[in-house]
Amino acid sequence: MKEYVILTAKHCPSCEALKRYIPEGGKFRYMDVSESLEAARIAKVLGVMAVPTIVVLDKENNKMCILDDKFRPQRCVDSASLDST
């Protein structure tokens, strides 16, 4: 099963704009890197430098990937690397 996480932050105008186009629910979940330890860990492991960033969590293959603007994987890591942070 794949879940799409959109990493955001407080006071991020681009994050607020994205929320108008991609509503939370279904496959999409928003996580604020300044409020969620899990979101901060995902951002750290994937090397996220800016928000919003869309990440796919592929639980079947134990991978997580940053997606580009066409939802293609750009950088992937093993989900187990979250346990080591």
PDB file of N, CA and C in Angstrom:
ATOM      1  N   MET A   1       0.834  -1.174   0.000  1.00  0.00           N
ATOM      2  CA  MET A   1       0.000   0.000   0.000  1.00  0.00           C
ATOM      3  C   MET A   1       0.886   1.249   0.000  1.00  0.00           C
ATOM      4  N   LYS A   2       0.531   2.224  -0.823  1.00  0.00           N
ATOM      5  CA  LYS A   2       1.286   3.465  -0.896  1.00  0.00           C
ATOM      6  C   LYS A   2       0.500   4.580  -0.235  1.00  0.00           C
ATOM      7  N   GLU A   3       1.222   5.386   0.516  1.00  0.00           N
ATOM      8  CA  GLU A   3       0.632   6.546   1.156  1.00  0.00           C
ATOM      9  C   GLU A   3       1.454   7.764   0.740  1.00  0.00           C
ATOM     10  N   TYR A   4       0.778   8.845   0.415  1.00  0.00           N
ATOM     11  CA  TYR A   4       1.451  10.069   0.021  1.00  0.00           C
ATOM     12  C   TYR A   4       1.436  11.043   1.184  1.00  0.00           C
ATOM     13  N   VAL A   5       2.618  11.479   1.583  1.00  0.00           N
ATOM     14  CA  VAL A   5       2.772  12.419   2.681  1.00  0.00           C
ATOM     15  C   VAL A   5       3.305  13.715   2.078  1.00  0.00           C
ATOM     16  N   ILE A   6       2.672  14.806   2.431  1.00  0.00           N
ATOM     17  CA  ILE A   6       3.129  16.108   1.970  1.00  0.00           C
ATOM     18  C   ILE A   6       3.726  16.814   3.176  1.00  0.00           C
ATOM     19  N   LEU A   7       5.043  16.996   3.123  1.00  0.00           N
ATOM     20  CA  LEU A   7       5.751  17.657   4.215  1.00  0.00           C
ATOM     21  C   LEU A   7       5.575  19.165   4.069  1.00  0.00           C
ATOM     22  N   THR A   8       5.145  19.801   5.152  1.00  0.00           N
ATOM     23  CA  THR A   8       4.879  21.235   5.154  1.00  0.00           C
ATOM     24  C   THR A   8       5.547  21.867   6.367  1.00  0.00           C
ATOM     25  N   ALA A   9       5.371  23.174   6.500  1.00  0.00           N
ATOM     26  CA  ALA A   9       5.856  23.893   7.673  1.00  0.00           C
ATOM     27  C   ALA A   9       4.930  25.081   7.921  1.00  0.00           C
ATOM     28  N   LYS A  10       4.964  25.566   9.156  1.00  0.00           N
ATOM     29  CA  LYS A  10       4.184  26.756   9.495  1.00  0.00           C
ATOM     30  C   LYS A  10       4.684  27.940   8.672  1.00  0.00           C
ATOM     31  N   HIS A  11       3.791  28.850   8.390  1.00  0.00           N
ATOM     32  CA  HIS A  11       4.136  30.101   7.700  1.00  0.00           C
ATOM     33  C   HIS A  11       4.760  29.847   6.336  1.00  0.00           C
ATOM     34  N   CYS A  12       4.292  28.806   5.647  1.00  0.00           N
ATOM     35  CA  CYS A  12       4.787  28.467   4.312  1.00  0.00           C
ATOM     36  C   CYS A  12       3.670  28.758   3.302  1.00  0.00           C
ATOM     37  N   PRO A  13       3.756  29.867   2.573  1.00  0.00           N
ATOM     38  CA  PRO A  13       2.696  30.209   1.620  1.00  0.00           C
ATOM     39  C   PRO A  13       2.489  29.150   0.541  1.00  0.00           C
ATOM     40  N   SER A  14       3.565  28.552   0.068  1.00  0.00           N
ATOM     41  CA  SER A  14       3.438  27.511  -0.963  1.00  0.00           C
ATOM     42  C   SER A  14       2.712  26.287  -0.424  1.00  0.00           C
ATOM     43  N   CYS A  15       2.927  25.983   0.855  1.00  0.00           N
ATOM     44  CA  CYS A  15       2.244  24.848   1.486  1.00  0.00           C
ATOM     45  C   CYS A  15       0.743  25.115   1.547  1.00  0.00           C
ATOM     46  N   GLU A  16       0.380  26.322   1.929  1.00  0.00           N
ATOM     47  CA  GLU A  16      -1.040  26.682   2.007  1.00  0.00           C
ATOM     48  C   GLU A  16      -1.688  26.636   0.629  1.00  0.00           C
ATOM     49  N   ALA A  17      -0.981  27.096  -0.391  1.00  0.00           N
ATOM     50  CA  ALA A  17      -1.513  27.054  -1.755  1.00  0.00           C
ATOM     51  C   ALA A  17      -1.714  25.612  -2.207  1.00  0.00           C
ATOM     52  N   LEU A  18      -0.760  24.740  -1.900  1.00  0.00           N
ATOM     53  CA  LEU A  18      -0.875  23.337  -2.293  1.00  0.00           C
ATOM     54  C   LEU A  18      -2.075  22.670  -1.638  1.00  0.00           C
ATOM     55  N   LYS A  19      -2.360  23.048  -0.397  1.00  0.00           N
ATOM     56  CA  LYS A  19      -3.503  22.462   0.319  1.00  0.00           C
ATOM     57  C   LYS A  19      -4.831  22.760  -0.374  1.00  0.00           C
ATOM     58  N   ARG A  20      -4.892  23.850  -1.112  1.00  0.00           N
ATOM     59  CA  ARG A  20      -6.112  24.165  -1.859  1.00  0.00           C
ATOM     60  C   ARG A  20      -6.290  23.248  -3.065  1.00  0.00           C
ATOM     61  N   TYR A  21      -5.167  22.745  -3.625  1.00  0.00           N
ATOM     62  CA  TYR A  21      -5.223  21.904  -4.821  1.00  0.00           C
ATOM     63  C   TYR A  21      -5.250  20.411  -4.506  1.00  0.00           C
ATOM     64  N   ILE A  22      -4.625  20.037  -3.405  1.00  0.00           N
ATOM     65  CA  ILE A  22      -4.609  18.622  -3.007  1.00  0.00           C
ATOM     66  C   ILE A  22      -5.191  18.540  -1.602  1.00  0.00           C
ATOM     67  N   PRO A  23      -6.476  18.243  -1.501  1.00  0.00           N
ATOM     68  CA  PRO A  23      -7.085  18.167  -0.171  1.00  0.00           C
ATOM     69  C   PRO A  23      -6.585  16.946   0.605  1.00  0.00           C
ATOM     70  N   GLU A  24      -6.487  17.115   1.911  1.00  0.00           N
ATOM     71  CA  GLU A  24      -6.077  16.005   2.770  1.00  0.00           C
ATOM     72  C   GLU A  24      -7.181  14.958   2.784  1.00  0.00           C
ATOM     73  N   GLY A  25      -6.782  13.719   2.874  1.00  0.00           N
ATOM     74  CA  GLY A  25      -7.739  12.617   2.898  1.00  0.00           C
ATOM     75  C   GLY A  25      -7.402  11.634   1.799  1.00  0.00           C
ATOM     76  N   GLY A  26      -8.008  10.489   1.859  1.00  0.00           N
ATOM     77  CA  GLY A  26      -7.703   9.451   0.872  1.00  0.00           C
ATOM     78  C   GLY A  26      -6.260   9.033   0.993  1.00  0.00           C
ATOM     79  N   LYS A  27      -5.516   9.177  -0.093  1.00  0.00           N
ATOM     80  CA  LYS A  27      -4.109   8.773  -0.102  1.00  0.00           C
ATOM     81  C   LYS A  27      -3.171   9.866   0.404  1.00  0.00           C
ATOM     82  N   PHE A  28      -3.674  11.080   0.606  1.00  0.00           N
ATOM     83  CA  PHE A  28      -2.806  12.212   0.956  1.00  0.00           C
ATOM     84  C   PHE A  28      -2.935  12.593   2.422  1.00  0.00           C
ATOM     85  N   ARG A  29      -1.767  12.791   3.037  1.00  0.00           N
ATOM     86  CA  ARG A  29      -1.717  13.218   4.436  1.00  0.00           C
ATOM     87  C   ARG A  29      -0.664  14.315   4.551  1.00  0.00           C
ATOM     88  N   TYR A  30      -1.021  15.396   5.218  1.00  0.00           N
ATOM     89  CA  TYR A  30      -0.090  16.494   5.449  1.00  0.00           C
ATOM     90  C   TYR A  30       0.592  16.311   6.799  1.00  0.00           C
ATOM     91  N   MET A  31       1.892  16.595   6.829  1.00  0.00           N
ATOM     92  CA  MET A  31       2.655  16.522   8.081  1.00  0.00           C
ATOM     93  C   MET A  31       3.551  17.751   8.163  1.00  0.00           C
ATOM     94  N   ASP A  32       3.471  18.454   9.268  1.00  0.00           N
ATOM     95  CA  ASP A  32       4.261  19.659   9.495  1.00  0.00           C
ATOM     96  C   ASP A  32       5.591  19.271  10.130  1.00  0.00           C
ATOM     97  N   VAL A  33       6.699  19.592   9.454  1.00  0.00           N
ATOM     98  CA  VAL A  33       8.016  19.197   9.960  1.00  0.00           C
ATOM     99  C   VAL A  33       8.395  19.935  11.243  1.00  0.00           C
ATOM    100  N   SER A  34       7.711  21.050  11.523  1.00  0.00           N
ATOM    101  CA  SER A  34       8.019  21.777  12.748  1.00  0.00           C
ATOM    102  C   SER A  34       7.199  21.289  13.943  1.00  0.00           C
ATOM    103  N   GLU A  35       6.203  20.442  13.671  1.00  0.00           N
ATOM    104  CA  GLU A  35       5.344  19.947  14.750  1.00  0.00           C
ATOM    105  C   GLU A  35       5.373  18.435  14.931  1.00  0.00           C
ATOM    106  N   SER A  36       5.810  17.717  13.923  1.00  0.00           N
ATOM    107  CA  SER A  36       5.757  16.256  13.957  1.00  0.00           C
ATOM    108  C   SER A  36       7.166  15.672  13.930  1.00  0.00           C
ATOM    109  N   LEU A  37       7.500  14.904  14.951  1.00  0.00           N
ATOM    110  CA  LEU A  37       8.801  14.242  14.992  1.00  0.00           C
ATOM    111  C   LEU A  37       8.946  13.273  13.818  1.00  0.00           C
ATOM    112  N   GLU A  38       7.875  12.553  13.488  1.00  0.00           N
ATOM    113  CA  GLU A  38       7.923  11.619  12.359  1.00  0.00           C
ATOM    114  C   GLU A  38       8.214  12.367  11.055  1.00  0.00           C
ATOM    115  N   ALA A  39       7.564  13.503  10.838  1.00  0.00           N
ATOM    116  CA  ALA A  39       7.802  14.293   9.626  1.00  0.00           C
ATOM    117  C   ALA A  39       9.232  14.798   9.580  1.00  0.00           C
ATOM    118  N   ALA A  40       9.738  15.264  10.712  1.00  0.00           N
ATOM    119  CA  ALA A  40      11.119  15.752  10.770  1.00  0.00           C
ATOM    120  C   ALA A  40      12.111  14.630  10.476  1.00  0.00           C
ATOM    121  N   ARG A  41      11.831  13.439  10.955  1.00  0.00           N
ATOM    122  CA  ARG A  41      12.714  12.290  10.698  1.00  0.00           C
ATOM    123  C   ARG A  41      12.684  11.908   9.223  1.00  0.00           C
ATOM    124  N   ILE A  42      11.493  11.904   8.615  1.00  0.00           N
ATOM    125  CA  ILE A  42      11.382  11.603   7.180  1.00  0.00           C
ATOM    126  C   ILE A  42      12.183  12.624   6.381  1.00  0.00           C
ATOM    127  N   ALA A  43      12.017  13.899   6.712  1.00  0.00           N
ATOM    128  CA  ALA A  43      12.736  14.960   6.005  1.00  0.00           C
ATOM    129  C   ALA A  43      14.249  14.784   6.149  1.00  0.00           C
ATOM    130  N   LYS A  44      14.705  14.447   7.337  1.00  0.00           N
ATOM    131  CA  LYS A  44      16.140  14.271   7.581  1.00  0.00           C
ATOM    132  C   LYS A  44      16.700  13.103   6.771  1.00  0.00           C
ATOM    133  N   VAL A  45      16.015  11.971   6.823  1.00  0.00           N
ATOM    134  CA  VAL A  45      16.499  10.769   6.128  1.00  0.00           C
ATOM    135  C   VAL A  45      16.540  10.977   4.615  1.00  0.00           C
ATOM    136  N   LEU A  46      15.547  11.694   4.069  1.00  0.00           N
ATOM    137  CA  LEU A  46      15.501  11.922   2.625  1.00  0.00           C
ATOM    138  C   LEU A  46      16.289  13.155   2.189  1.00  0.00           C
ATOM    139  N   GLY A  47      16.800  13.919   3.135  1.00  0.00           N
ATOM    140  CA  GLY A  47      17.560  15.110   2.778  1.00  0.00           C
ATOM    141  C   GLY A  47      16.705  16.241   2.241  1.00  0.00           C
ATOM    142  N   VAL A  48      15.483  16.339   2.731  1.00  0.00           N
ATOM    143  CA  VAL A  48      14.566  17.388   2.274  1.00  0.00           C
ATOM    144  C   VAL A  48      15.097  18.742   2.726  1.00  0.00           C
ATOM    145  N   MET A  49      15.193  19.677   1.786  1.00  0.00           N
ATOM    146  CA  MET A  49      15.716  21.002   2.081  1.00  0.00           C
ATOM    147  C   MET A  49      14.666  22.103   1.955  1.00  0.00           C
ATOM    148  N   ALA A  50      13.485  21.771   1.427  1.00  0.00           N
ATOM    149  CA  ALA A  50      12.441  22.776   1.227  1.00  0.00           C
ATOM    150  C   ALA A  50      11.076  22.116   1.335  1.00  0.00           C
ATOM    151  N   VAL A  51      10.101  22.907   1.696  1.00  0.00           N
ATOM    152  CA  VAL A  51       8.718  22.449   1.736  1.00  0.00           C
ATOM    153  C   VAL A  51       7.882  23.355   0.849  1.00  0.00           C
ATOM    154  N   PRO A  52       6.792  22.874   0.296  1.00  0.00           N
ATOM    155  CA  PRO A  52       6.267  21.529   0.472  1.00  0.00           C
ATOM    156  C   PRO A  52       7.057  20.512  -0.345  1.00  0.00           C
ATOM    157  N   THR A  53       7.123  19.314   0.180  1.00  0.00           N
ATOM    158  CA  THR A  53       7.746  18.180  -0.500  1.00  0.00           C
ATOM    159  C   THR A  53       6.796  17.003  -0.402  1.00  0.00           C
ATOM    160  N   ILE A  54       6.566  16.345  -1.535  1.00  0.00           N
ATOM    161  CA  ILE A  54       5.688  15.176  -1.561  1.00  0.00           C
ATOM    162  C   ILE A  54       6.543  13.922  -1.480  1.00  0.00           C
ATOM    163  N   VAL A  55       6.175  13.047  -0.552  1.00  0.00           N
ATOM    164  CA  VAL A  55       6.904  11.809  -0.307  1.00  0.00           C
ATOM    165  C   VAL A  55       5.921  10.651  -0.430  1.00  0.00           C
ATOM    166  N   VAL A  56       6.352   9.573  -1.070  1.00  0.00           N
ATOM    167  CA  VAL A  56       5.530   8.371  -1.106  1.00  0.00           C
ATOM    168  C   VAL A  56       6.138   7.363  -0.139  1.00  0.00           C
ATOM    169  N   LEU A  57       5.287   6.812   0.706  1.00  0.00           N
ATOM    170  CA  LEU A  57       5.689   5.742   1.617  1.00  0.00           C
ATOM    171  C   LEU A  57       5.142   4.450   1.029  1.00  0.00           C
ATOM    172  N   ASP A  58       6.028   3.610   0.533  1.00  0.00           N
ATOM    173  CA  ASP A  58       5.653   2.339  -0.095  1.00  0.00           C
ATOM    174  C   ASP A  58       5.878   1.240   0.928  1.00  0.00           C
ATOM    175  N   LYS A  59       4.824   0.892   1.643  1.00  0.00           N
ATOM    176  CA  LYS A  59       4.945  -0.065   2.749  1.00  0.00           C
ATOM    177  C   LYS A  59       5.190  -1.493   2.256  1.00  0.00           C
ATOM    178  N   GLU A  60       4.718  -1.819   1.061  1.00  0.00           N
ATOM    179  CA  GLU A  60       4.933  -3.169   0.535  1.00  0.00           C
ATOM    180  C   GLU A  60       6.407  -3.433   0.249  1.00  0.00           C
ATOM    181  N   ASN A  61       7.095  -2.408  -0.257  1.00  0.00           N
ATOM    182  CA  ASN A  61       8.504  -2.570  -0.627  1.00  0.00           C
ATOM    183  C   ASN A  61       9.454  -1.924   0.379  1.00  0.00           C
ATOM    184  N   ASN A  62       8.906  -1.438   1.508  1.00  0.00           N
ATOM    185  CA  ASN A  62       9.712  -0.815   2.568  1.00  0.00           C
ATOM    186  C   ASN A  62      10.616   0.292   2.041  1.00  0.00           C
ATOM    187  N   LYS A  63      10.017   1.165   1.193  1.00  0.00           N
ATOM    188  CA  LYS A  63      10.769   2.284   0.641  1.00  0.00           C
ATOM    189  C   LYS A  63      10.004   3.575   0.873  1.00  0.00           C
ATOM    190  N   MET A  64      10.736   4.674   0.882  1.00  0.00           N
ATOM    191  CA  MET A  64      10.098   5.988   0.827  1.00  0.00           C
ATOM    192  C   MET A  64      10.897   6.824  -0.157  1.00  0.00           C
ATOM    193  N   CYS A  65      10.173   7.610  -0.955  1.00  0.00           N
ATOM    194  CA  CYS A  65      10.792   8.364  -2.032  1.00  0.00           C
ATOM    195  C   CYS A  65      10.248   9.778  -2.087  1.00  0.00           C
ATOM    196  N   ILE A  66      11.124  10.728  -2.414  1.00  0.00           N
ATOM    197  CA  ILE A  66      10.684  12.072  -2.749  1.00  0.00           C
ATOM    198  C   ILE A  66      10.163  12.015  -4.177  1.00  0.00           C
ATOM    199  N   LEU A  67       9.031  12.672  -4.426  1.00  0.00           N
ATOM    200  CA  LEU A  67       8.460  12.699  -5.767  1.00  0.00           C
ATOM    201  C   LEU A  67       8.659  14.062  -6.405  1.00  0.00           C
ATOM    202  N   ASP A  68       8.822  14.071  -7.739  1.00  0.00           N
ATOM    203  CA  ASP A  68       8.917  15.344  -8.439  1.00  0.00           C
ATOM    204  C   ASP A  68       7.520  15.860  -8.755  1.00  0.00           C
ATOM    205  N   ASP A  69       7.443  16.928  -9.521  1.00  0.00           N
ATOM    206  CA  ASP A  69       6.145  17.543  -9.801  1.00  0.00           C
ATOM    207  C   ASP A  69       5.242  16.694 -10.685  1.00  0.00           C
ATOM    208  N   LYS A  70       5.763  15.638 -11.263  1.00  0.00           N
ATOM    209  CA  LYS A  70       4.958  14.696 -12.052  1.00  0.00           C
ATOM    210  C   LYS A  70       4.763  13.372 -11.304  1.00  0.00           C
ATOM    211  N   PHE A  71       5.036  13.387 -10.007  1.00  0.00           N
ATOM    212  CA  PHE A  71       4.884  12.237  -9.112  1.00  0.00           C
ATOM    213  C   PHE A  71       5.803  11.071  -9.478  1.00  0.00           C
ATOM    214  N   ARG A  72       6.977  11.389 -10.043  1.00  0.00           N
ATOM    215  CA  ARG A  72       7.980  10.362 -10.324  1.00  0.00           C
ATOM    216  C   ARG A  72       8.991  10.343  -9.178  1.00  0.00           C
ATOM    217  N   PRO A  73       9.428   9.155  -8.749  1.00  0.00           N
ATOM    218  CA  PRO A  73      10.417   9.077  -7.665  1.00  0.00           C
ATOM    219  C   PRO A  73      11.733   9.731  -8.064  1.00  0.00           C
ATOM    220  N   GLN A  74      12.278  10.543  -7.162  1.00  0.00           N
ATOM    221  CA  GLN A  74      13.548  11.215  -7.407  1.00  0.00           C
ATOM    222  C   GLN A  74      14.653  10.671  -6.523  1.00  0.00           C
ATOM    223  N   ARG A  75      14.366  10.477  -5.262  1.00  0.00           N
ATOM    224  CA  ARG A  75      15.353   9.950  -4.320  1.00  0.00           C
ATOM    225  C   ARG A  75      14.629   9.001  -3.387  1.00  0.00           C
ATOM    226  N   CYS A  76      15.136   7.787  -3.272  1.00  0.00           N
ATOM    227  CA  CYS A  76      14.482   6.772  -2.438  1.00  0.00           C
ATOM    228  C   CYS A  76      15.462   6.234  -1.401  1.00  0.00           C
ATOM    229  N   VAL A  77      14.911   5.858  -0.263  1.00  0.00           N
ATOM    230  CA  VAL A  77      15.697   5.198   0.779  1.00  0.00           C
ATOM    231  C   VAL A  77      14.845   4.079   1.367  1.00  0.00           C
ATOM    232  N   ASP A  78      15.506   3.174   2.043  1.00  0.00           N
ATOM    233  CA  ASP A  78      14.826   2.090   2.731  1.00  0.00           C
ATOM    234  C   ASP A  78      14.104   2.675   3.941  1.00  0.00           C
ATOM    235  N   SER A  79      12.876   2.282   4.147  1.00  0.00           N
ATOM    236  CA  SER A  79      12.091   2.787   5.280  1.00  0.00           C
ATOM    237  C   SER A  79      12.724   2.446   6.619  1.00  0.00           C
ATOM    238  N   ALA A  80      13.495   1.386   6.674  1.00  0.00           N
ATOM    239  CA  ALA A  80      14.145   0.989   7.917  1.00  0.00           C
ATOM    240  C   ALA A  80      15.130   2.044   8.401  1.00  0.00           C
ATOM    241  N   SER A  81      15.587   2.914   7.498  1.00  0.00           N
ATOM    242  CA  SER A  81      16.528   3.948   7.917  1.00  0.00           C
ATOM    243  C   SER A  81      15.892   4.957   8.861  1.00  0.00           C
ATOM    244  N   LEU A  82      14.564   4.996   8.932  1.00  0.00           N
ATOM    245  CA  LEU A  82      13.877   5.845   9.904  1.00  0.00           C
ATOM    246  C   LEU A  82      14.148   5.366  11.321  1.00  0.00           C
ATOM    247  N   ASP A  83      14.333   4.072  11.479  1.00  0.00           N
ATOM    248  CA  ASP A  83      14.562   3.508  12.815  1.00  0.00           C
ATOM    249  C   ASP A  83      15.900   3.911  13.388  1.00  0.00           C
ATOM    250  N   SER A  84      16.843   4.292  12.518  1.00  0.00           N
ATOM    251  CA  SER A  84      18.183   4.624  12.995  1.00  0.00           C
ATOM    252  C   SER A  84      18.366   6.103  13.289  1.00  0.00           C
ATOM    253  N   THR A  85      17.311   6.916  13.106  1.00  0.00           N
ATOM    254  CA  THR A  85      17.443   8.364  13.370  1.00  0.00           C
ATOM    255  C   THR A  85      16.922   8.717  14.740  1.00  0.00           C
TER     256      THR A  85
END
